[in-house]
Amino acid sequence: DNNGSVRVEVDRSGFRSRSRTKQSPMDAPSQEGGQKQMELLEKQIQYREKLEKAVLIFNNTGVSACLDYMSEEGMIDQEDSLSVAHFLLTVEGLDKRKIGELLGKDNA
């Protein structure tokens, strides 16, 4: 039966003994839990890909197009200045000159 595992134990004298144990269904990882982890991982990968695209848009097209894209994708509320500031502060790869242009822009 290949459902068991081999347990190796070392006693105080240094001798090793092997015993075959039967794996119970409770020892196996839950398929449902594994499925949830896979879904979470896929969502993280999709978010990272969207974020990379947002960085490219920011660097090549500008902040307005980037925020429009991120808003459409549900990644940011472009009307929330704290969300925009958090994006500018924490996302790696943004062109610092473009950030400077945005911050130095005269809104009056």
C-alpha atoms as a PDB file:
ATOM      1  CA  ASP A   1       0.000   0.000   0.000  1.00  0.00           C
ATOM      2  CA  ASN A   2       1.583   3.327  -1.070  1.00  0.00           C
ATOM      3  CA  ASN A   3      -0.650   5.471   1.129  1.00  0.00           C
ATOM      4  CA  GLY A   4       1.685   5.097   4.089  1.00  0.00           C
ATOM      5  CA  SER A   5       4.829   6.957   4.959  1.00  0.00           C
ATOM      6  CA  VAL A   6       8.060   5.774   6.486  1.00  0.00           C
ATOM      7  CA  ARG A   7       8.878   7.157   9.883  1.00  0.00           C
ATOM      8  CA  VAL A   8      12.526   7.139  10.911  1.00  0.00           C
ATOM      9  CA  GLU A   9      13.203   7.523  14.598  1.00  0.00           C
ATOM     10  CA  VAL A  10      16.545   7.859  16.346  1.00  0.00           C
ATOM     11  CA  ASP A  11      16.732   6.715  19.954  1.00  0.00           C
ATOM     12  CA  ARG A  12      19.306   7.878  22.505  1.00  0.00           C
ATOM     13  CA  SER A  13      21.786   5.210  21.494  1.00  0.00           C
ATOM     14  CA  GLY A  14      21.839   6.555  17.932  1.00  0.00           C
ATOM     15  CA  PHE A  15      20.083   3.576  16.380  1.00  0.00           C
ATOM     16  CA  ARG A  16      17.520   4.319  13.750  1.00  0.00           C
ATOM     17  CA  SER A  17      14.359   2.355  13.383  1.00  0.00           C
ATOM     18  CA  ARG A  18      11.852   2.490  10.582  1.00  0.00           C
ATOM     19  CA  SER A  19       8.189   1.943  10.854  1.00  0.00           C
ATOM     20  CA  ARG A  20       5.578   2.231   8.166  1.00  0.00           C
ATOM     21  CA  THR A  21       2.600   4.295   9.180  1.00  0.00           C
ATOM     22  CA  LYS A  22      -0.708   4.492   7.455  1.00  0.00           C
ATOM     23  CA  GLN A  23      -1.611   8.015   6.375  1.00  0.00           C
ATOM     24  CA  SER A  24      -5.026   9.001   7.545  1.00  0.00           C
ATOM     25  CA  PRO A  25      -7.313  11.219   5.483  1.00  0.00           C
ATOM     26  CA  MET A  26      -6.944  13.821   8.239  1.00  0.00           C
ATOM     27  CA  ASP A  27      -3.189  14.060   7.530  1.00  0.00           C
ATOM     28  CA  ALA A  28      -3.672  14.944   3.873  1.00  0.00           C
ATOM     29  CA  PRO A  29      -4.070  18.611   3.026  1.00  0.00           C
ATOM     30  CA  SER A  30      -7.628  19.632   2.452  1.00  0.00           C
ATOM     31  CA  GLN A  31      -8.509  19.952  -1.218  1.00  0.00           C
ATOM     32  CA  GLU A  32     -10.878  22.768  -0.367  1.00  0.00           C
ATOM     33  CA  GLY A  33      -8.152  24.646   1.501  1.00  0.00           C
ATOM     34  CA  GLY A  34      -5.742  24.045  -1.357  1.00  0.00           C
ATOM     35  CA  GLN A  35      -8.304  25.342  -3.842  1.00  0.00           C
ATOM     36  CA  LYS A  36      -8.766  28.528  -1.806  1.00  0.00           C
ATOM     37  CA  GLN A  37      -5.005  29.046  -1.663  1.00  0.00           C
ATOM     38  CA  MET A  38      -4.748  28.597  -5.428  1.00  0.00           C
ATOM     39  CA  GLU A  39      -7.543  31.116  -6.020  1.00  0.00           C
ATOM     40  CA  LEU A  40      -5.832  33.605  -3.705  1.00  0.00           C
ATOM     41  CA  LEU A  41      -2.518  33.093  -5.478  1.00  0.00           C
ATOM     42  CA  GLU A  42      -4.163  33.611  -8.877  1.00  0.00           C
ATOM     43  CA  LYS A  43      -5.771  36.852  -7.651  1.00  0.00           C
ATOM     44  CA  GLN A  44      -2.406  38.071  -6.360  1.00  0.00           C
ATOM     45  CA  ILE A  45      -0.756  37.276  -9.694  1.00  0.00           C
ATOM     46  CA  GLN A  46      -3.530  39.056 -11.622  1.00  0.00           C
ATOM     47  CA  TYR A  47      -3.244  42.104  -9.338  1.00  0.00           C
ATOM     48  CA  ARG A  48       0.545  42.187  -9.786  1.00  0.00           C
ATOM     49  CA  GLU A  49       0.134  42.012 -13.577  1.00  0.00           C
ATOM     50  CA  LYS A  50      -2.390  44.872 -13.488  1.00  0.00           C
ATOM     51  CA  LEU A  51      -0.045  46.884 -11.272  1.00  0.00           C
ATOM     52  CA  GLU A  52       2.841  46.326 -13.690  1.00  0.00           C
ATOM     53  CA  LYS A  53       0.612  47.523 -16.533  1.00  0.00           C
ATOM     54  CA  ALA A  54      -0.357  50.583 -14.466  1.00  0.00           C
ATOM     55  CA  VAL A  55       3.327  51.416 -13.962  1.00  0.00           C
ATOM     56  CA  LEU A  56       3.938  51.183 -17.715  1.00  0.00           C
ATOM     57  CA  ILE A  57       0.957  53.423 -18.413  1.00  0.00           C
ATOM     58  CA  PHE A  58       2.126  55.918 -15.771  1.00  0.00           C
ATOM     59  CA  ASN A  59       5.666  56.053 -17.139  1.00  0.00           C
ATOM     60  CA  ASN A  60       4.704  56.178 -20.826  1.00  0.00           C
ATOM     61  CA  THR A  61       1.377  57.996 -20.936  1.00  0.00           C
ATOM     62  CA  GLY A  62       0.987  59.866 -17.687  1.00  0.00           C
ATOM     63  CA  VAL A  63      -0.795  59.893 -14.393  1.00  0.00           C
ATOM     64  CA  SER A  64      -4.260  60.629 -15.757  1.00  0.00           C
ATOM     65  CA  ALA A  65      -4.334  57.588 -18.039  1.00  0.00           C
ATOM     66  CA  CYS A  66      -2.824  55.460 -15.277  1.00  0.00           C
ATOM     67  CA  LEU A  67      -5.447  56.491 -12.726  1.00  0.00           C
ATOM     68  CA  ASP A  68      -8.217  55.944 -15.283  1.00  0.00           C
ATOM     69  CA  TYR A  69      -6.924  52.415 -15.913  1.00  0.00           C
ATOM     70  CA  MET A  70      -6.571  51.617 -12.218  1.00  0.00           C
ATOM     71  CA  SER A  71     -10.027  53.002 -11.482  1.00  0.00           C
ATOM     72  CA  GLU A  72     -11.578  50.903 -14.267  1.00  0.00           C
ATOM     73  CA  GLU A  73      -9.835  47.817 -12.856  1.00  0.00           C
ATOM     74  CA  GLY A  74     -11.114  48.589  -9.337  1.00  0.00           C
ATOM     75  CA  MET A  75      -7.601  49.040  -8.002  1.00  0.00           C
ATOM     76  CA  ILE A  76      -7.871  52.632  -6.811  1.00  0.00           C
ATOM     77  CA  ASP A  77     -10.371  55.380  -6.167  1.00  0.00           C
ATOM     78  CA  GLN A  78      -8.857  58.214  -8.173  1.00  0.00           C
ATOM     79  CA  GLU A  79     -10.976  60.753  -6.293  1.00  0.00           C
ATOM     80  CA  ASP A  80      -9.350  59.683  -3.008  1.00  0.00           C
ATOM     81  CA  SER A  81      -6.144  61.680  -2.651  1.00  0.00           C
ATOM     82  CA  LEU A  82      -4.825  59.306   0.038  1.00  0.00           C
ATOM     83  CA  SER A  83      -5.177  56.338  -2.329  1.00  0.00           C
ATOM     84  CA  VAL A  84      -3.328  58.216  -5.056  1.00  0.00           C
ATOM     85  CA  ALA A  85      -0.620  59.328  -2.610  1.00  0.00           C
ATOM     86  CA  HIS A  86      -0.223  55.752  -1.353  1.00  0.00           C
ATOM     87  CA  PHE A  87       0.160  54.549  -4.942  1.00  0.00           C
ATOM     88  CA  LEU A  88       2.799  57.177  -5.719  1.00  0.00           C
ATOM     89  CA  LEU A  89       4.689  56.480  -2.499  1.00  0.00           C
ATOM     90  CA  THR A  90       4.678  52.699  -2.404  1.00  0.00           C
ATOM     91  CA  VAL A  91       4.653  51.343  -5.954  1.00  0.00           C
ATOM     92  CA  GLU A  92       8.101  50.544  -7.296  1.00  0.00           C
ATOM     93  CA  GLY A  93       9.113  51.421 -10.821  1.00  0.00           C
ATOM     94  CA  LEU A  94       7.297  54.734 -11.185  1.00  0.00           C
ATOM     95  CA  ASP A  95       9.256  57.413 -13.044  1.00  0.00           C
ATOM     96  CA  LYS A  96      10.344  59.869 -10.336  1.00  0.00           C
ATOM     97  CA  ARG A  97      10.406  62.760 -12.814  1.00  0.00           C
ATOM     98  CA  LYS A  98       6.751  62.122 -13.690  1.00  0.00           C
ATOM     99  CA  ILE A  99       5.889  62.096  -9.985  1.00  0.00           C
ATOM    100  CA  GLY A 100       7.763  65.391  -9.596  1.00  0.00           C
ATOM    101  CA  GLU A 101       5.903  66.897 -12.547  1.00  0.00           C
ATOM    102  CA  LEU A 102       2.616  65.821 -11.003  1.00  0.00           C
ATOM    103  CA  LEU A 103       3.448  67.262  -7.591  1.00  0.00           C
ATOM    104  CA  GLY A 104       4.874  70.475  -9.053  1.00  0.00           C
ATOM    105  CA  LYS A 105       1.930  71.024 -11.385  1.00  0.00           C
ATOM    106  CA  ASP A 106       0.090  74.314 -10.841  1.00  0.00           C
ATOM    107  CA  ASN A 107      -3.543  73.439 -10.106  1.00  0.00           C
ATOM    108  CA  ALA A 108      -4.647  77.044  -9.688  1.00  0.00           C
END
